[in-house]
C-alpha atoms as a PDB file:
ATOM      1  CA  UNK A   1      -2.794  -1.081   8.367  1.00  0.00           C
ATOM      2  CA  UNK A   2      -4.246  -3.474   5.975  1.00  0.00           C
ATOM      3  CA  UNK A   3      -3.531  -6.472   8.190  1.00  0.00           C
ATOM      4  CA  UNK A   4      -6.185  -5.301  10.685  1.00  0.00           C
ATOM      5  CA  UNK A   5      -8.576  -5.565   7.718  1.00  0.00           C
ATOM      6  CA  UNK A   6      -7.859  -9.290   7.288  1.00  0.00           C
ATOM      7  CA  UNK A   7      -5.149  -8.842   4.557  1.00  0.00           C
ATOM      8  CA  UNK A   8      -2.274 -11.278   4.970  1.00  0.00           C
ATOM      9  CA  UNK A   9       0.901 -10.247   6.535  1.00  0.00           C
ATOM     10  CA  UNK A  10       3.913 -11.291   4.476  1.00  0.00           C
ATOM     11  CA  UNK A  11       6.628 -10.776   6.999  1.00  0.00           C
ATOM     12  CA  UNK A  12       8.280 -13.930   7.400  1.00  0.00           C
ATOM     13  CA  UNK A  13       7.906 -17.085   5.296  1.00  0.00           C
ATOM     14  CA  UNK A  14       5.576 -18.640   7.708  1.00  0.00           C
ATOM     15  CA  UNK A  15       2.583 -16.233   6.963  1.00  0.00           C
ATOM     16  CA  UNK A  16       3.477 -16.187   3.196  1.00  0.00           C
ATOM     17  CA  UNK A  17       3.449 -19.636   2.755  1.00  0.00           C
ATOM     18  CA  UNK A  18       0.443 -19.804   4.656  1.00  0.00           C
ATOM     19  CA  UNK A  19      -1.340 -17.629   2.445  1.00  0.00           C
ATOM     20  CA  UNK A  20       0.376 -19.234  -0.416  1.00  0.00           C
ATOM     21  CA  UNK A  21       0.850 -23.117  -0.253  1.00  0.00           C
ATOM     22  CA  UNK A  22       1.600 -23.553  -3.821  1.00  0.00           C
ATOM     23  CA  UNK A  23       4.650 -21.166  -3.474  1.00  0.00           C
ATOM     24  CA  UNK A  24       5.719 -23.134  -0.001  1.00  0.00           C
ATOM     25  CA  UNK A  25       5.969 -26.178  -2.075  1.00  0.00           C
ATOM     26  CA  UNK A  26       8.366 -24.678  -4.330  1.00  0.00           C
ATOM     27  CA  UNK A  27      10.387 -22.758  -1.710  1.00  0.00           C
ATOM     28  CA  UNK A  28       9.626 -19.304  -3.305  1.00  0.00           C
ATOM     29  CA  UNK A  29       9.762 -16.494  -0.692  1.00  0.00           C
ATOM     30  CA  UNK A  30       7.982 -13.535  -1.117  1.00  0.00           C
ATOM     31  CA  UNK A  31      10.985 -11.305  -1.759  1.00  0.00           C
ATOM     32  CA  UNK A  32      11.742 -14.024  -4.932  1.00  0.00           C
ATOM     33  CA  UNK A  33       7.892 -13.891  -6.125  1.00  0.00           C
ATOM     34  CA  UNK A  34       7.634 -10.099  -6.028  1.00  0.00           C
ATOM     35  CA  UNK A  35      10.084  -9.921  -9.034  1.00  0.00           C
ATOM     36  CA  UNK A  36       9.228  -8.601 -12.530  1.00  0.00           C
ATOM     37  CA  UNK A  37      11.085 -11.368 -14.007  1.00  0.00           C
ATOM     38  CA  UNK A  38       8.172 -13.783 -13.654  1.00  0.00           C
ATOM     39  CA  UNK A  39       6.062 -11.773 -16.078  1.00  0.00           C
ATOM     40  CA  UNK A  40       8.781 -13.093 -18.584  1.00  0.00           C
ATOM     41  CA  UNK A  41       9.446 -16.517 -17.292  1.00  0.00           C
ATOM     42  CA  UNK A  42       6.059 -17.497 -16.133  1.00  0.00           C
ATOM     43  CA  UNK A  43       3.514 -14.921 -16.778  1.00  0.00           C
ATOM     44  CA  UNK A  44       0.825 -17.272 -15.397  1.00  0.00           C
ATOM     45  CA  UNK A  45       2.286 -17.533 -12.165  1.00  0.00           C
ATOM     46  CA  UNK A  46       2.977 -13.933 -11.971  1.00  0.00           C
ATOM     47  CA  UNK A  47      -0.726 -13.009 -12.330  1.00  0.00           C
ATOM     48  CA  UNK A  48      -1.741 -15.920 -10.126  1.00  0.00           C
ATOM     49  CA  UNK A  49       0.346 -14.190  -7.391  1.00  0.00           C
ATOM     50  CA  UNK A  50      -0.661 -10.872  -8.097  1.00  0.00           C
ATOM     51  CA  UNK A  51      -4.190 -11.700  -9.389  1.00  0.00           C
ATOM     52  CA  UNK A  52      -5.080 -13.271  -6.098  1.00  0.00           C
ATOM     53  CA  UNK A  53      -3.734 -10.326  -4.509  1.00  0.00           C
ATOM     54  CA  UNK A  54      -6.067  -7.949  -6.854  1.00  0.00           C
ATOM     55  CA  UNK A  55      -9.260 -10.208  -6.299  1.00  0.00           C
ATOM     56  CA  UNK A  56      -8.392 -10.301  -2.470  1.00  0.00           C
ATOM     57  CA  UNK A  57      -8.056  -6.466  -1.719  1.00  0.00           C
ATOM     58  CA  UNK A  58     -11.070  -5.681  -4.008  1.00  0.00           C
ATOM     59  CA  UNK A  59     -13.463  -7.982  -1.949  1.00  0.00           C
ATOM     60  CA  UNK A  60     -12.140  -6.954   1.533  1.00  0.00           C
ATOM     61  CA  UNK A  61     -13.473  -3.994   3.138  1.00  0.00           C
ATOM     62  CA  UNK A  62     -11.280  -1.442   4.886  1.00  0.00           C
ATOM     63  CA  UNK A  63     -11.596  -1.504   8.614  1.00  0.00           C
ATOM     64  CA  UNK A  64     -13.329   1.336  10.408  1.00  0.00           C
ATOM     65  CA  UNK A  65      -9.739   2.808  11.237  1.00  0.00           C
ATOM     66  CA  UNK A  66      -9.995   4.401   7.951  1.00  0.00           C
ATOM     67  CA  UNK A  67     -13.219   6.053   8.411  1.00  0.00           C
ATOM     68  CA  UNK A  68     -12.192   7.179  11.871  1.00  0.00           C
ATOM     69  CA  UNK A  69      -9.265   9.217  10.063  1.00  0.00           C
ATOM     70  CA  UNK A  70     -11.711  10.480   7.678  1.00  0.00           C
ATOM     71  CA  UNK A  71     -14.201  11.645  10.663  1.00  0.00           C
ATOM     72  CA  UNK A  72     -11.637  13.453  12.468  1.00  0.00           C
ATOM     73  CA  UNK A  73     -10.359  15.423   9.142  1.00  0.00           C
ATOM     74  CA  UNK A  74     -13.880  16.225   8.349  1.00  0.00           C
ATOM     75  CA  UNK A  75     -15.164  17.116  11.824  1.00  0.00           C
ATOM     76  CA  UNK A  76     -12.094  19.624  12.571  1.00  0.00           C
ATOM     77  CA  UNK A  77     -11.930  20.907   9.020  1.00  0.00           C
ATOM     78  CA  UNK A  78      -7.991  19.759   8.757  1.00  0.00           C
ATOM     79  CA  UNK A  79      -5.924  19.750   5.897  1.00  0.00           C
ATOM     80  CA  UNK A  80      -4.345  16.033   5.382  1.00  0.00           C
ATOM     81  CA  UNK A  81      -2.325  14.051   3.258  1.00  0.00           C
ATOM     82  CA  UNK A  82      -1.556   9.869   3.074  1.00  0.00           C
ATOM     83  CA  UNK A  83       1.834   8.772   2.525  1.00  0.00           C
ATOM     84  CA  UNK A  84       1.647   5.016   2.049  1.00  0.00           C
ATOM     85  CA  UNK A  85       3.501   2.053   1.069  1.00  0.00           C
ATOM     86  CA  UNK A  86       0.216  -0.150   1.013  1.00  0.00           C
ATOM     87  CA  UNK A  87      -0.581  -0.865  -2.912  1.00  0.00           C
ATOM     88  CA  UNK A  88      -4.577  -2.073  -2.026  1.00  0.00           C
ATOM     89  CA  UNK A  89      -6.182   1.196  -2.811  1.00  0.00           C
ATOM     90  CA  UNK A  90      -7.900   1.046   0.394  1.00  0.00           C
ATOM     91  CA  UNK A  91      -7.540   4.892   1.407  1.00  0.00           C
ATOM     92  CA  UNK A  92      -9.305   5.828  -1.717  1.00  0.00           C
ATOM     93  CA  UNK A  93     -12.156   3.328  -1.137  1.00  0.00           C
ATOM     94  CA  UNK A  94     -12.384   4.909   2.296  1.00  0.00           C
ATOM     95  CA  UNK A  95     -13.130   8.253   0.910  1.00  0.00           C
ATOM     96  CA  UNK A  96      -9.549   9.782   0.859  1.00  0.00           C
ATOM     97  CA  UNK A  97      -9.208  12.027  -2.476  1.00  0.00           C
ATOM     98  CA  UNK A  98      -6.678  10.506  -4.869  1.00  0.00           C
ATOM     99  CA  UNK A  99      -5.152  13.842  -5.061  1.00  0.00           C
ATOM    100  CA  UNK A 100      -4.278  13.724  -1.510  1.00  0.00           C
ATOM    101  CA  UNK A 101      -2.689  10.175  -1.392  1.00  0.00           C
ATOM    102  CA  UNK A 102       1.174   9.344  -2.213  1.00  0.00           C
ATOM    103  CA  UNK A 103       1.701   5.609  -2.677  1.00  0.00           C
ATOM    104  CA  UNK A 104       5.245   5.194  -2.629  1.00  0.00           C
ATOM    105  CA  UNK A 105       5.367   1.847  -3.996  1.00  0.00           C
ATOM    106  CA  UNK A 106       2.749   2.041  -6.758  1.00  0.00           C
ATOM    107  CA  UNK A 107      -0.774   0.543  -6.593  1.00  0.00           C
ATOM    108  CA  UNK A 108      -2.073  -2.643  -7.780  1.00  0.00           C
ATOM    109  CA  UNK A 109      -5.453  -0.953  -8.627  1.00  0.00           C
ATOM    110  CA  UNK A 110      -3.435   0.556 -11.765  1.00  0.00           C
ATOM    111  CA  UNK A 111      -1.812  -1.545 -14.718  1.00  0.00           C
ATOM    112  CA  UNK A 112       1.150  -0.851 -16.807  1.00  0.00           C
ATOM    113  CA  UNK A 113       2.542  -2.478 -20.108  1.00  0.00           C
ATOM    114  CA  UNK A 114       5.232  -4.908 -19.411  1.00  0.00           C
ATOM    115  CA  UNK A 115       7.171  -4.330 -23.021  1.00  0.00           C
ATOM    116  CA  UNK A 116       6.720  -0.333 -21.763  1.00  0.00           C
ATOM    117  CA  UNK A 117       5.230   0.339 -25.281  1.00  0.00           C
ATOM    118  CA  UNK A 118       4.583   4.128 -24.261  1.00  0.00           C
ATOM    119  CA  UNK A 119       0.958   3.878 -23.241  1.00  0.00           C
ATOM    120  CA  UNK A 120       0.342   5.358 -19.822  1.00  0.00           C
ATOM    121  CA  UNK A 121      -0.672   3.874 -16.790  1.00  0.00           C
ATOM    122  CA  UNK A 122      -4.337   2.743 -16.675  1.00  0.00           C
ATOM    123  CA  UNK A 123      -6.645   2.089 -13.906  1.00  0.00           C
ATOM    124  CA  UNK A 124      -7.468  -1.997 -13.669  1.00  0.00           C
ATOM    125  CA  UNK A 125     -11.042  -2.233 -14.870  1.00  0.00           C
ATOM    126  CA  UNK A 126     -13.585  -2.630 -12.113  1.00  0.00           C
ATOM    127  CA  UNK A 127     -14.588  -5.732 -13.919  1.00  0.00           C
ATOM    128  CA  UNK A 128     -11.075  -7.523 -13.902  1.00  0.00           C
ATOM    129  CA  UNK A 129     -11.258 -10.592 -11.806  1.00  0.00           C
ATOM    130  CA  UNK A 130      -8.219 -12.895 -12.436  1.00  0.00           C
ATOM    131  CA  UNK A 131      -9.230 -16.677 -12.910  1.00  0.00           C
ATOM    132  CA  UNK A 132      -6.596 -18.745 -10.700  1.00  0.00           C
ATOM    133  CA  UNK A 133      -5.920 -22.644 -10.083  1.00  0.00           C
ATOM    134  CA  UNK A 134      -5.676 -22.640  -6.500  1.00  0.00           C
ATOM    135  CA  UNK A 135      -3.378 -25.970  -6.560  1.00  0.00           C
ATOM    136  CA  UNK A 136      -0.562 -24.277  -8.997  1.00  0.00           C
ATOM    137  CA  UNK A 137      -1.657 -20.535  -8.227  1.00  0.00           C
ATOM    138  CA  UNK A 138      -1.386 -20.289 -11.870  1.00  0.00           C
ATOM    139  CA  UNK A 139      -3.891 -17.715 -13.540  1.00  0.00           C
ATOM    140  CA  UNK A 140      -5.910 -18.797 -16.433  1.00  0.00           C
ATOM    141  CA  UNK A 141      -6.190 -17.328 -19.681  1.00  0.00           C
ATOM    142  CA  UNK A 142      -6.981 -14.759 -20.996  1.00  0.00           C
ATOM    143  CA  UNK A 143      -4.163 -12.719 -18.841  1.00  0.00           C
ATOM    144  CA  UNK A 144      -4.476  -8.802 -18.369  1.00  0.00           C
ATOM    145  CA  UNK A 145      -3.187  -6.723 -21.465  1.00  0.00           C
ATOM    146  CA  UNK A 146      -2.214  -3.706 -22.624  1.00  0.00           C
ATOM    147  CA  UNK A 147      -4.839  -1.434 -24.419  1.00  0.00           C
ATOM    148  CA  UNK A 148      -2.094   0.362 -26.376  1.00  0.00           C
ATOM    149  CA  UNK A 149      -0.036  -2.596 -28.164  1.00  0.00           C
ATOM    150  CA  UNK A 150      -2.283  -5.592 -26.562  1.00  0.00           C
ATOM    151  CA  UNK A 151       0.902  -7.181 -25.078  1.00  0.00           C
ATOM    152  CA  UNK A 152       0.864  -8.529 -21.489  1.00  0.00           C
ATOM    153  CA  UNK A 153      -0.004  -6.227 -18.670  1.00  0.00           C
ATOM    154  CA  UNK A 154       1.595  -6.101 -15.254  1.00  0.00           C
ATOM    155  CA  UNK A 155       0.572  -4.204 -12.013  1.00  0.00           C
ATOM    156  CA  UNK A 156       1.850  -0.595 -11.598  1.00  0.00           C
ATOM    157  CA  UNK A 157       3.729  -1.520  -8.284  1.00  0.00           C
ATOM    158  CA  UNK A 158       7.489  -1.364  -7.422  1.00  0.00           C
ATOM    159  CA  UNK A 159       9.045  -4.995  -6.933  1.00  0.00           C
ATOM    160  CA  UNK A 160      12.378  -6.152  -6.070  1.00  0.00           C
ATOM    161  CA  UNK A 161      15.083  -5.474  -8.701  1.00  0.00           C
ATOM    162  CA  UNK A 162      12.277  -3.495 -10.764  1.00  0.00           C
ATOM    163  CA  UNK A 163      13.878  -1.546 -13.430  1.00  0.00           C
ATOM    164  CA  UNK A 164      10.817  -1.770 -15.602  1.00  0.00           C
ATOM    165  CA  UNK A 165       8.266  -0.104 -12.911  1.00  0.00           C
ATOM    166  CA  UNK A 166       6.751   3.163 -14.514  1.00  0.00           C
ATOM    167  CA  UNK A 167       7.174   5.699 -11.524  1.00  0.00           C
ATOM    168  CA  UNK A 168       5.229   8.405 -13.337  1.00  0.00           C
ATOM    169  CA  UNK A 169       1.743   7.920 -11.203  1.00  0.00           C
ATOM    170  CA  UNK A 170       4.057   7.814  -8.124  1.00  0.00           C
ATOM    171  CA  UNK A 171       6.072  10.743  -9.083  1.00  0.00           C
ATOM    172  CA  UNK A 172       3.081  12.895  -9.505  1.00  0.00           C
ATOM    173  CA  UNK A 173       1.782  11.997  -6.230  1.00  0.00           C
ATOM    174  CA  UNK A 174       5.195  12.665  -4.570  1.00  0.00           C
ATOM    175  CA  UNK A 175       5.169  16.307  -6.050  1.00  0.00           C
ATOM    176  CA  UNK A 176       1.626  17.080  -4.675  1.00  0.00           C
ATOM    177  CA  UNK A 177       2.961  15.705  -1.053  1.00  0.00           C
ATOM    178  CA  UNK A 178       5.839  17.959  -1.283  1.00  0.00           C
ATOM    179  CA  UNK A 179       3.874  20.849  -2.259  1.00  0.00           C
ATOM    180  CA  UNK A 180       1.617  20.202   0.678  1.00  0.00           C
ATOM    181  CA  UNK A 181       4.204  19.933   3.194  1.00  0.00           C
ATOM    182  CA  UNK A 182       5.717  23.313   1.782  1.00  0.00           C
ATOM    183  CA  UNK A 183       2.489  24.704   2.233  1.00  0.00           C
ATOM    184  CA  UNK A 184       2.341  23.768   5.937  1.00  0.00           C
ATOM    185  CA  UNK A 185       6.011  24.135   6.721  1.00  0.00           C
ATOM    186  CA  UNK A 186       5.185  26.506   9.528  1.00  0.00           C
ATOM    187  CA  UNK A 187       2.155  24.473  11.014  1.00  0.00           C
ATOM    188  CA  UNK A 188       2.290  22.109  13.831  1.00  0.00           C
ATOM    189  CA  UNK A 189       1.603  18.863  12.161  1.00  0.00           C
ATOM    190  CA  UNK A 190       0.168  15.921  13.657  1.00  0.00           C
ATOM    191  CA  UNK A 191       1.767  12.621  11.876  1.00  0.00           C
ATOM    192  CA  UNK A 192       0.271   9.509  12.660  1.00  0.00           C
ATOM    193  CA  UNK A 193       2.174   6.178  11.283  1.00  0.00           C
ATOM    194  CA  UNK A 194       0.461   3.079  11.159  1.00  0.00           C
ATOM    195  CA  UNK A 195       2.235  -0.208  11.295  1.00  0.00           C
ATOM    196  CA  UNK A 196       5.129   0.499   9.198  1.00  0.00           C
ATOM    197  CA  UNK A 197       7.797  -1.648   9.981  1.00  0.00           C
ATOM    198  CA  UNK A 198      11.485  -1.313  10.007  1.00  0.00           C
ATOM    199  CA  UNK A 199      12.613  -3.945   7.585  1.00  0.00           C
ATOM    200  CA  UNK A 200      11.469  -1.577   4.351  1.00  0.00           C
ATOM    201  CA  UNK A 201      11.749   1.611   6.362  1.00  0.00           C
ATOM    202  CA  UNK A 202      10.487   4.205   3.596  1.00  0.00           C
ATOM    203  CA  UNK A 203       7.479   5.054   5.540  1.00  0.00           C
ATOM    204  CA  UNK A 204       8.986   5.474   8.908  1.00  0.00           C
ATOM    205  CA  UNK A 205      11.969   7.756   7.365  1.00  0.00           C
ATOM    206  CA  UNK A 206       9.670   9.906   5.670  1.00  0.00           C
ATOM    207  CA  UNK A 207       7.419  10.455   8.659  1.00  0.00           C
ATOM    208  CA  UNK A 208      10.473  11.168  11.055  1.00  0.00           C
ATOM    209  CA  UNK A 209      11.904  13.762   8.387  1.00  0.00           C
ATOM    210  CA  UNK A 210       8.471  15.378   8.264  1.00  0.00           C
ATOM    211  CA  UNK A 211       7.966  15.435  11.781  1.00  0.00           C
ATOM    212  CA  UNK A 212      11.865  16.990  12.315  1.00  0.00           C
ATOM    213  CA  UNK A 213      11.303  19.328   9.547  1.00  0.00           C
ATOM    214  CA  UNK A 214       7.855  20.814  10.723  1.00  0.00           C
ATOM    215  CA  UNK A 215       7.616  20.081  14.362  1.00  0.00           C
ATOM    216  CA  UNK A 216       4.543  19.216  15.845  1.00  0.00           C
ATOM    217  CA  UNK A 217       3.488  15.683  17.122  1.00  0.00           C
ATOM    218  CA  UNK A 218       4.534  12.469  15.912  1.00  0.00           C
ATOM    219  CA  UNK A 219       2.742   9.286  16.896  1.00  0.00           C
ATOM    220  CA  UNK A 220       3.996   5.761  15.794  1.00  0.00           C
ATOM    221  CA  UNK A 221       1.511   2.899  16.289  1.00  0.00           C
ATOM    222  CA  UNK A 222       2.973  -0.619  15.827  1.00  0.00           C
ATOM    223  CA  UNK A 223       2.204  -3.627  17.516  1.00  0.00           C
ATOM    224  CA  UNK A 224       5.948  -4.952  17.202  1.00  0.00           C
ATOM    225  CA  UNK A 225       8.363  -2.272  16.631  1.00  0.00           C
ATOM    226  CA  UNK A 226       6.991   0.764  18.504  1.00  0.00           C
ATOM    227  CA  UNK A 227      10.556   2.478  19.476  1.00  0.00           C
ATOM    228  CA  UNK A 228      10.538   6.162  18.487  1.00  0.00           C
ATOM    229  CA  UNK A 229      13.124   9.201  18.443  1.00  0.00           C
ATOM    230  CA  UNK A 230      13.054  11.306  21.519  1.00  0.00           C
ATOM    231  CA  UNK A 231      10.134  13.621  21.795  1.00  0.00           C
ATOM    232  CA  UNK A 232       7.750  11.278  19.736  1.00  0.00           C
ATOM    233  CA  UNK A 233       4.829   9.228  20.995  1.00  0.00           C
ATOM    234  CA  UNK A 234       4.264   5.725  20.557  1.00  0.00           C
ATOM    235  CA  UNK A 235       1.428   3.004  21.206  1.00  0.00           C
ATOM    236  CA  UNK A 236       2.382  -0.480  20.965  1.00  0.00           C
ATOM    237  CA  UNK A 237      -0.981  -1.645  19.395  1.00  0.00           C
ATOM    238  CA  UNK A 238      -2.738  -2.661  16.071  1.00  0.00           C
ATOM    239  CA  UNK A 239      -3.652   0.362  13.793  1.00  0.00           C
ATOM    240  CA  UNK A 240      -7.654  -0.256  13.931  1.00  0.00           C
ATOM    241  CA  UNK A 241      -7.292  -0.698  18.026  1.00  0.00           C
ATOM    242  CA  UNK A 242      -5.344   2.389  18.375  1.00  0.00           C
ATOM    243  CA  UNK A 243      -7.295   4.257  16.440  1.00  0.00           C
ATOM    244  CA  UNK A 244     -10.510   3.225  18.215  1.00  0.00           C
ATOM    245  CA  UNK A 245      -9.012   4.018  21.489  1.00  0.00           C
ATOM    246  CA  UNK A 246      -8.056   7.694  20.291  1.00  0.00           C
ATOM    247  CA  UNK A 247     -11.689   8.116  19.162  1.00  0.00           C
ATOM    248  CA  UNK A 248     -12.975   6.867  22.401  1.00  0.00           C
ATOM    249  CA  UNK A 249     -10.659   9.496  24.449  1.00  0.00           C
ATOM    250  CA  UNK A 250     -11.950  12.231  22.098  1.00  0.00           C
ATOM    251  CA  UNK A 251     -15.354  11.222  22.513  1.00  0.00           C
ATOM    252  CA  UNK A 252     -15.088  11.250  26.231  1.00  0.00           C
ATOM    253  CA  UNK A 253     -13.555  14.835  26.160  1.00  0.00           C
END
């Protein structure tokens, strides 16, 4: 979903290293960089990577597919819920209420204390912009800090081998999603899965389970991995193109 807004695709080393040449020189892959140990070993590099992403996500506008989904929900007075592995906050920016979004991997728009001092997760300040040396991908001081203990802060996102992630916010979102699913267990849900790959299949599995438990319609939109269980629908397209095509069909009646 985010790729169609112009955000980088981290699948495979080539795309990742095209975005981060300093990491290519060091031979650091995405799975290695997305590790909380860097906040202890090299906070400047950790915040260079995540600060770059934070800056990029904030300056990038969500593509029109987000607003199309909102339009369909509003025009037909539907109840809806978003389950996403994206950490860019673009669903909320597009008008989806925060109470109807479950970000299963957390959000880069929220921070937590590296030292787990007990301070609750907080929104990244709207004026936070991390200054970065583009040649080294090292963030410049001052780095974001915890308002509770004034120690180092980190994004509230689930990284690889991440035992320090604070899941409280995501767990609260998950409880609301489960309540919504229970309230719609006799409904014919329309589940639209957009761009969820099989390498980390959390979204694919969640969508398939919801479809099997409630019935209804399941549409998988994916330009590379569009295979579906029997009885489901698929479009081998990008998210924005598929949503635009569906909207044209709706308008044509």
